[in-house]
Amino acid sequence: MQTSLTDRVAQTLLDEITGGGYRIGEVLPPEQVIAHRLGVSRTILREALARLKVEGILASKQGRGLAVISNARPLVLRIQEVQEDDADRILGIVELRRGVEIEAAALAAERRTQGDLLAMRDALDRMTDALSSGEIAAGTNADLDFHRSIACATGNEHYRNFFDFLGLLLRRGLEVSRRRSASVDGRERQAQEEHEAVYAAIERSDPAEARSRARIHVVNTEARLRSLHFLKRDPATRERIEPEGLNAGVLKAAGARSR
């Protein structure tokens, strides 16, 4: 599969760092300087730099910028970035979420702090605002922030770090889902209700319920993607969990808080 421009920029920077172009502790030049040198936009450059941060090559230094913290090639899991029309890869990432986010929700219900709940609530409220305004990018960012706040609430840095890695890949699927679901009545609202139900279970410190609600959300996310017609893969089973199992009272209360 052809590599993306972000892939190539990230690889170029990694080659420069691991090839001795930068010393450990050295701060990278300003973004505009690097972007101009490589002939790319600052958006592409930022995506590439974000990958190197996740891989432990770069780190933000307050008041200084991005500094090199390792000049050794990372021995980490690598998954190629997906393109919008790559059904198998998009659905593969969604399937991977099952094994991560479901258990993360259960752990978050056991360990969450008030600060964690506030972060989740803020993300949910921003999702509600984006749903009302039709702002796809804002909704995608809030969606990612909600799931990252759950990973942080586990108290396990490996969940957080893995979500940061996975989040780079999840963004594509979330953008596709939100953009194409916007024209289908009720889809975005159902997804929002699923998020609210996960939050409610975590807020009640109910691990079993949080695990169940997270599974409903991930399975239904996959079902919504499959039904958007651009995804052609025909699995042996088309699992989907209907929202009737959601506690109407919980959703009504959650919806009232978000308004």
Protein backbone atom coordinates (compact mmCIF):
# COMPACT_ATOMS: atom_id res chain seq x y z
CA MET A 1 0.00 0.00 0.00
CA GLN A 2 1.26 3.49 -0.85
CA THR A 3 2.52 5.39 2.17
CA SER A 4 0.98 8.73 3.06
CA LEU A 5 2.81 12.06 3.11
CA THR A 6 2.62 12.04 6.91
CA ASP A 7 4.30 8.62 6.92
CA ARG A 8 7.12 9.88 4.74
CA VAL A 9 7.68 13.04 6.79
CA ALA A 10 7.72 11.06 10.04
CA GLN A 11 10.21 8.60 8.53
CA THR A 12 12.44 11.42 7.25
CA LEU A 13 12.58 13.05 10.68
CA LEU A 14 13.16 9.69 12.37
CA ASP A 15 16.04 8.96 9.97
CA GLU A 16 17.58 12.35 10.73
CA ILE A 17 17.32 11.87 14.49
CA THR A 18 18.55 8.28 14.60
CA GLY A 19 21.24 9.06 12.04
CA GLY A 20 22.94 11.55 14.35
CA GLY A 21 21.35 14.73 13.06
CA TYR A 22 20.23 15.67 16.56
CA ARG A 23 21.67 15.03 20.02
CA ILE A 24 19.56 13.84 22.94
CA GLY A 25 18.16 16.90 24.66
CA GLU A 26 18.46 19.06 21.54
CA VAL A 27 15.39 21.14 20.70
CA LEU A 28 14.04 20.93 17.16
CA PRO A 29 13.84 24.10 15.04
CA PRO A 30 10.47 25.90 14.93
CA GLU A 31 7.68 24.13 13.03
CA GLN A 32 7.63 26.67 10.21
CA VAL A 33 11.34 26.15 9.60
CA ILE A 34 11.04 22.35 9.40
CA ALA A 35 7.87 22.52 7.30
CA HIS A 36 9.54 24.88 4.82
CA ARG A 37 12.64 22.72 4.60
CA LEU A 38 10.61 19.58 3.92
CA GLY A 39 8.15 21.33 1.63
CA VAL A 40 5.03 20.31 3.57
CA SER A 41 2.23 22.06 5.41
CA ARG A 42 2.42 22.61 9.16
CA THR A 43 -0.63 20.33 9.54
CA ILE A 44 1.23 17.41 7.96
CA LEU A 45 4.33 18.21 10.00
CA ARG A 46 2.36 18.29 13.27
CA GLU A 47 0.85 14.87 12.52
CA ALA A 48 4.34 13.49 11.88
CA LEU A 49 5.73 15.06 15.04
CA ALA A 50 2.80 13.65 17.04
CA ARG A 51 3.78 10.16 15.91
CA LEU A 52 7.37 10.65 17.02
CA LYS A 53 6.09 11.85 20.41
CA VAL A 54 3.98 8.71 20.79
CA GLU A 55 6.98 6.58 19.82
CA GLY A 56 9.09 8.16 22.55
CA ILE A 57 11.48 9.98 20.22
CA LEU A 58 10.33 13.53 21.02
CA ALA A 59 8.82 15.23 24.04
CA SER A 60 7.41 18.69 24.68
CA LYS A 61 9.57 20.91 26.87
CA GLN A 62 7.67 23.81 28.38
CA GLY A 63 8.81 27.10 26.93
CA ARG A 64 11.33 25.40 24.64
CA GLY A 65 9.45 23.33 22.08
CA LEU A 66 10.01 19.72 21.06
CA ALA A 67 13.20 18.06 22.26
CA VAL A 68 14.82 14.78 21.28
CA ILE A 69 14.63 12.29 24.15
CA SER A 70 15.81 9.21 22.25
CA ASN A 71 17.91 8.69 19.14
CA ALA A 72 17.36 4.94 18.93
CA ARG A 73 14.81 3.46 16.57
CA PRO A 74 11.72 2.50 18.57
CA LEU A 75 10.84 -1.15 18.97
CA VAL A 76 7.09 -0.58 19.11
CA LEU A 77 3.93 -1.79 17.45
CA ARG A 78 3.45 -0.13 14.07
CA ILE A 79 0.16 0.07 12.21
CA GLN A 80 -0.02 1.92 8.93
CA GLU A 81 -2.35 4.89 8.76
CA VAL A 82 -5.64 4.07 7.06
CA GLN A 83 -7.21 5.87 4.13
CA GLU A 84 -10.90 6.75 3.98
CA ASP A 85 -11.80 4.09 1.43
CA ASP A 86 -9.77 1.30 3.07
CA ALA A 87 -12.63 -0.69 4.61
CA ASP A 88 -10.60 -3.59 5.96
CA ARG A 89 -8.16 -1.34 7.83
CA ILE A 90 -10.83 0.97 9.23
CA LEU A 91 -12.87 -1.96 10.51
CA GLY A 92 -9.73 -3.69 11.77
CA ILE A 93 -8.95 -0.71 13.99
CA VAL A 94 -12.54 -0.71 15.29
CA GLU A 95 -12.22 -4.41 16.13
CA LEU A 96 -8.98 -3.69 17.97
CA ARG A 97 -10.89 -1.21 20.12
CA ARG A 98 -12.95 -4.08 21.55
CA GLY A 99 -9.99 -5.53 23.36
CA VAL A 100 -8.79 -2.19 24.71
CA GLU A 101 -11.67 0.17 25.40
CA ILE A 102 -14.06 -2.34 26.94
CA GLU A 103 -11.67 -3.31 29.73
CA ALA A 104 -10.48 0.28 30.04
CA ALA A 105 -14.05 1.35 30.83
CA ALA A 106 -14.31 -1.29 33.56
CA LEU A 107 -11.03 -0.21 35.14
CA ALA A 108 -12.05 3.44 34.88
CA ALA A 109 -15.25 2.65 36.81
CA GLU A 110 -13.13 1.19 39.61
CA ARG A 111 -10.46 3.88 39.73
CA ARG A 112 -11.83 7.14 38.33
CA THR A 113 -11.33 10.38 40.22
CA GLN A 114 -13.56 13.44 40.24
CA GLY A 115 -11.08 15.06 37.88
CA ASP A 116 -11.45 12.16 35.45
CA LEU A 117 -15.24 12.55 35.52
CA LEU A 118 -14.94 16.27 34.85
CA ALA A 119 -12.74 15.58 31.82
CA MET A 120 -15.24 13.04 30.47
CA ARG A 121 -18.17 15.39 31.08
CA ASP A 122 -16.41 18.25 29.30
CA ALA A 123 -15.74 16.04 26.25
CA LEU A 124 -19.35 14.86 26.20
CA ASP A 125 -20.66 18.42 26.36
CA ARG A 126 -18.39 19.42 23.49
CA MET A 127 -19.67 16.44 21.50
CA THR A 128 -23.23 17.61 22.12
CA ASP A 129 -22.35 21.12 20.94
CA ALA A 130 -20.67 19.74 17.81
CA LEU A 131 -23.69 17.56 17.11
CA SER A 132 -25.96 20.61 17.24
CA SER A 133 -23.68 22.74 15.06
CA GLY A 134 -22.66 20.03 12.61
CA GLU A 135 -18.96 20.64 13.19
CA ILE A 136 -17.31 17.34 12.22
CA ALA A 137 -13.76 18.20 13.29
CA ALA A 138 -14.86 19.49 16.70
CA GLY A 139 -16.99 16.40 17.24
CA THR A 140 -14.12 14.11 16.29
CA ASN A 141 -11.72 15.85 18.67
CA ALA A 142 -14.23 15.69 21.52
CA ASP A 143 -14.92 12.01 20.79
CA LEU A 144 -11.21 11.20 20.98
CA ASP A 145 -10.86 13.27 24.16
CA PHE A 146 -13.70 11.33 25.79
CA HIS A 147 -12.13 7.95 25.09
CA ARG A 148 -8.68 9.19 26.09
CA SER A 149 -10.08 10.44 29.41
CA ILE A 150 -11.36 6.92 30.06
CA ALA A 151 -7.91 5.51 29.32
CA CYS A 152 -6.40 8.05 31.73
CA ALA A 153 -8.98 7.13 34.38
CA THR A 154 -7.69 3.54 34.44
CA GLY A 155 -4.66 4.82 36.32
CA ASN A 156 -2.55 2.60 34.07
CA GLU A 157 -0.07 4.53 31.95
CA HIS A 158 0.06 1.73 29.40
CA TYR A 159 -3.62 2.18 28.58
CA ARG A 160 -3.03 5.91 28.16
CA ASN A 161 0.06 5.44 26.01
CA PHE A 162 -1.58 2.80 23.85
CA PHE A 163 -4.62 5.01 23.34
CA ASP A 164 -2.36 7.88 22.25
CA PHE A 165 -0.90 5.54 19.66
CA LEU A 166 -4.28 4.14 18.64
CA GLY A 167 -5.86 7.59 18.57
CA LEU A 168 -3.74 8.55 15.56
CA LEU A 169 -5.46 5.72 13.68
CA LEU A 170 -8.92 6.09 15.22
CA ARG A 171 -9.26 9.64 13.97
CA ARG A 172 -9.76 8.54 10.36
CA GLY A 173 -12.58 6.13 11.24
CA LEU A 174 -14.26 8.68 13.51
CA GLU A 175 -14.15 11.37 10.85
CA VAL A 176 -15.60 9.02 8.25
CA SER A 177 -18.33 7.83 10.60
CA ARG A 178 -19.34 11.33 11.71
CA ARG A 179 -19.28 12.86 8.24
CA ARG A 180 -21.26 10.11 6.57
CA SER A 181 -23.65 9.58 9.47
CA ALA A 182 -24.62 13.25 9.44
CA SER A 183 -27.06 12.56 6.60
CA VAL A 184 -28.67 9.58 8.35
CA ASP A 185 -31.33 10.46 10.90
CA GLY A 186 -30.64 9.33 14.44
CA ARG A 187 -27.20 7.80 13.99
CA GLU A 188 -25.19 10.54 15.65
CA ARG A 189 -27.75 10.86 18.44
CA GLN A 190 -27.58 7.12 19.12
CA ALA A 191 -23.78 7.25 19.33
CA GLN A 192 -24.03 10.17 21.76
CA GLU A 193 -26.47 8.21 23.93
CA GLU A 194 -24.02 5.30 23.99
CA HIS A 195 -21.26 7.64 25.18
CA GLU A 196 -23.55 8.98 27.90
CA ALA A 197 -24.36 5.45 29.05
CA VAL A 198 -20.67 4.57 29.34
CA TYR A 199 -20.09 7.74 31.35
CA ALA A 200 -23.05 7.05 33.65
CA ALA A 201 -21.73 3.57 34.49
CA ILE A 202 -18.25 4.94 35.22
CA GLU A 203 -19.74 7.71 37.33
CA ARG A 204 -21.65 5.08 39.37
CA SER A 205 -18.41 3.07 39.80
CA ASP A 206 -20.05 0.01 38.20
CA PRO A 207 -17.32 -1.95 36.33
CA ALA A 208 -19.65 -4.62 34.95
CA GLU A 209 -22.07 -2.05 33.57
CA ALA A 210 -19.23 0.08 32.19
CA ARG A 211 -17.81 -2.96 30.41
CA SER A 212 -21.25 -3.78 28.96
CA ARG A 213 -21.95 -0.22 27.79
CA ALA A 214 -18.50 0.12 26.25
CA ARG A 215 -19.03 -3.11 24.34
CA ILE A 216 -22.40 -1.88 23.06
CA HIS A 217 -20.76 1.31 21.83
CA VAL A 218 -17.83 -0.34 20.06
CA VAL A 219 -19.97 -3.03 18.43
CA ASN A 220 -22.53 -0.48 17.26
CA THR A 221 -19.78 1.80 15.96
CA GLU A 222 -18.66 -1.06 13.74
CA ALA A 223 -22.25 -1.73 12.66
CA ARG A 224 -22.77 1.92 11.76
CA LEU A 225 -19.60 1.95 9.67
CA ARG A 226 -20.62 -1.24 7.86
CA SER A 227 -24.01 0.20 7.00
CA LEU A 228 -22.64 3.37 5.42
CA HIS A 229 -22.34 1.47 2.09
CA PHE A 230 -18.77 2.53 1.35
CA LEU A 231 -17.53 -0.38 3.49
CA LYS A 232 -17.80 -3.45 1.27
CA ARG A 233 -16.35 -6.17 3.47
CA ASP A 234 -19.01 -8.78 4.16
CA PRO A 235 -18.28 -10.48 7.50
CA ALA A 236 -19.73 -13.85 8.43
CA THR A 237 -21.77 -12.17 11.14
CA ARG A 238 -23.11 -8.64 11.37
CA GLU A 239 -23.36 -8.11 15.09
CA ARG A 240 -25.24 -5.11 16.36
CA ILE A 241 -26.65 -4.34 19.77
CA GLU A 242 -29.88 -2.37 19.76
CA PRO A 243 -30.09 0.62 22.07
CA GLU A 244 -33.26 -0.65 23.78
CA GLY A 245 -31.01 -2.18 26.41
CA LEU A 246 -29.88 1.27 27.47
CA ASN A 247 -31.40 2.58 30.66
CA ALA A 248 -33.80 5.28 29.51
CA GLY A 249 -33.72 7.04 32.86
CA VAL A 250 -29.94 7.21 32.85
CA LEU A 251 -29.91 8.59 29.32
CA LYS A 252 -32.57 11.16 30.09
CA ALA A 253 -30.63 12.36 33.12
CA ALA A 254 -27.36 12.40 31.22
CA GLY A 255 -28.94 14.32 28.38
CA ALA A 256 -30.30 16.88 30.81
CA ARG A 257 -26.84 17.41 32.30
CA SER A 258 -25.33 17.91 28.84
CA ARG A 259 -27.75 20.65 27.82
